[in-house]
Structure formats: structure tokens, C-alpha cells
Amino acid sequence: MRGCFDSSALIKRVITEVESPALVNVVRDLHAHGAALQTSVLGAVEISDPVITLARRLFPTSIRSLDAIHLASAVLISADLVVAYDRRLLTAASELGLRTLSLGTESGQELGL
């Protein structure tokens, strides 16, 4: 399994928020099950042309540009799961057929490994 974390999820690992404990637990569980945990280059370095091209093609106006870049990155790494806390990003990920996870929220779901 490949899990892709957007910046709304990554920040909860650095700044403690209500959802942080649940997110820490799922990261631990995913890691224990050998999942590849990744993020878009937004979390680390500059963005490649293939990511930008795919983001423009898949999401011309339905979501914000940074969310489109996160989802394009998830598609390019063949992610099975998108972990995020942005409703529009989660909706777009679901529309692409990706599993989504938003732990510690009312709409959050548990991850069945």
C-alpha cells in the first residue's frame, strides 16, 4: 500500500491539533504494515513538470492549485490512499477512485489494514 499525505495532514505531525493523536496512530499502523508513506514535493522540494502538467489536466478548476498538485503527485506515485483534512481535496481524490482518510474529524473513518 502507498499512502500519500497532503500538507494539511503533515502539519498535524509538527503542530499538535485535535486530530494529531489519531493521525500519529494511523501513521504507526501503516508503517507497521509496510506501507510506503509519501507526500507531494510540496512537502520537501521543487515541483516537477509532469506533476504540474497532470495537475492542470485533471483539475482545471474544481480544486485549488496546491491541492491539484498533491493529487497529481498521488496519482503519479500510484497511491492507494490519500490522507488529508481538506474537504475539496478529499472529494477530488474519491472521484479519482482513491481511498481517503481524515482521522480525528466527525467525517473521519478508520483504516482497515
Protein backbone atom coordinates (compact mmCIF):
# COMPACT_ATOMS: atom_id res chain seq x y z
CA MET A 1 0.00 0.00 0.00
CA ARG A 2 1.07 3.57 -0.71
CA GLY A 3 -0.26 6.38 1.43
CA CYS A 4 0.01 9.97 0.25
CA PHE A 5 -0.20 12.70 2.89
CA ASP A 6 -1.09 16.27 1.95
CA SER A 7 0.24 19.29 3.83
CA SER A 8 -2.91 19.53 6.00
CA ALA A 9 -2.01 16.09 7.37
CA LEU A 10 1.74 16.70 7.60
CA ILE A 11 1.28 19.82 9.72
CA LYS A 12 -0.52 17.74 12.35
CA ARG A 13 2.73 15.84 12.91
CA VAL A 14 4.51 19.09 13.75
CA ILE A 15 1.81 21.16 15.44
CA THR A 16 -0.45 19.33 17.86
CA GLU A 17 -4.08 19.70 16.86
CA VAL A 18 -7.23 17.79 17.85
CA GLU A 19 -6.69 15.29 15.02
CA SER A 20 -2.98 14.73 15.73
CA PRO A 21 -3.22 11.67 18.04
CA ALA A 22 -5.40 9.74 15.57
CA LEU A 23 -3.06 10.65 12.72
CA VAL A 24 0.01 9.52 14.69
CA ASN A 25 -1.70 6.18 15.31
CA VAL A 26 -2.57 5.61 11.65
CA VAL A 27 0.96 6.53 10.55
CA ARG A 28 2.28 3.98 13.03
CA ASP A 29 -0.18 1.33 11.77
CA LEU A 30 0.59 1.99 8.11
CA HIS A 31 4.32 1.81 8.79
CA ALA A 32 3.91 -1.42 10.78
CA HIS A 33 2.11 -2.95 7.78
CA GLY A 34 4.91 -1.98 5.39
CA ALA A 35 3.05 0.82 3.63
CA ALA A 36 5.04 3.35 1.67
CA LEU A 37 4.28 6.75 3.20
CA GLN A 38 4.82 9.62 0.80
CA THR A 39 3.91 13.21 0.12
CA SER A 40 3.93 15.57 -2.80
CA VAL A 41 7.09 17.51 -3.43
CA LEU A 42 5.20 20.39 -1.82
CA GLY A 43 6.33 18.82 1.44
CA ALA A 44 10.01 18.91 0.52
CA VAL A 45 11.41 20.26 -2.78
CA GLU A 46 10.58 21.89 -6.13
CA ILE A 47 7.71 20.60 -8.27
CA SER A 48 8.43 18.67 -11.49
CA ASP A 49 6.89 19.42 -14.88
CA PRO A 50 4.99 16.06 -15.02
CA VAL A 51 3.25 16.89 -11.73
CA ILE A 52 2.23 20.36 -12.93
CA THR A 53 1.03 19.03 -16.30
CA LEU A 54 -1.08 16.31 -14.69
CA ALA A 55 -2.50 18.73 -12.09
CA ARG A 56 -3.63 21.10 -14.83
CA ARG A 57 -5.15 18.29 -16.90
CA LEU A 58 -7.01 16.53 -14.08
CA PHE A 59 -8.22 19.54 -12.13
CA PRO A 60 -8.51 22.65 -14.29
CA THR A 61 -10.92 24.48 -11.95
CA SER A 62 -12.52 22.11 -9.43
CA ILE A 63 -9.91 22.47 -6.65
CA ARG A 64 -7.18 24.85 -5.59
CA SER A 65 -3.83 24.62 -7.34
CA LEU A 66 -1.87 23.24 -4.38
CA ASP A 67 -4.49 20.54 -3.83
CA ALA A 68 -4.31 19.66 -7.53
CA ILE A 69 -0.52 19.30 -7.19
CA HIS A 70 -0.94 17.00 -4.17
CA LEU A 71 -3.42 14.82 -6.06
CA ALA A 72 -1.34 14.75 -9.24
CA SER A 73 1.59 13.58 -7.10
CA ALA A 74 -0.59 10.88 -5.53
CA VAL A 75 -1.63 9.66 -8.99
CA LEU A 76 1.95 9.65 -10.29
CA ILE A 77 3.19 7.55 -7.36
CA SER A 78 0.20 5.17 -7.68
CA ALA A 79 -1.06 5.97 -4.18
CA ASP A 80 -3.80 3.77 -2.78
CA LEU A 81 -4.72 6.21 -0.03
CA VAL A 82 -4.83 9.99 0.40
CA VAL A 83 -4.66 11.33 3.95
CA ALA A 84 -5.91 14.90 4.19
CA TYR A 85 -8.14 17.31 6.06
CA ASP A 86 -9.33 19.45 3.17
CA ARG A 87 -12.87 18.53 2.06
CA ARG A 88 -12.39 19.56 -1.61
CA LEU A 89 -9.16 17.59 -1.88
CA LEU A 90 -10.78 14.51 -0.32
CA THR A 91 -13.76 14.75 -2.68
CA ALA A 92 -11.49 15.05 -5.73
CA ALA A 93 -9.38 12.10 -4.53
CA SER A 94 -12.53 9.98 -4.13
CA GLU A 95 -13.65 10.96 -7.63
CA LEU A 96 -10.33 9.58 -8.89
CA GLY A 97 -11.05 6.28 -7.15
CA LEU A 98 -8.52 6.79 -4.35
CA ARG A 99 -9.30 5.77 -0.78
CA THR A 100 -9.33 8.74 1.57
CA LEU A 101 -8.69 9.15 5.26
CA SER A 102 -9.35 12.13 7.52
CA LEU A 103 -8.79 10.92 11.07
CA GLY A 104 -9.96 12.68 14.18
CA THR A 105 -12.80 14.51 12.45
CA GLU A 106 -16.52 13.85 12.52
CA SER A 107 -16.33 12.56 8.95
CA GLY A 108 -13.13 10.63 9.64
CA GLN A 109 -13.02 6.93 9.07
CA GLU A 110 -10.96 4.12 10.50
CA LEU A 111 -8.37 2.44 8.35
CA GLY A 112 -8.89 -1.28 7.92
CA LEU A 113 -5.47 -2.84 7.34
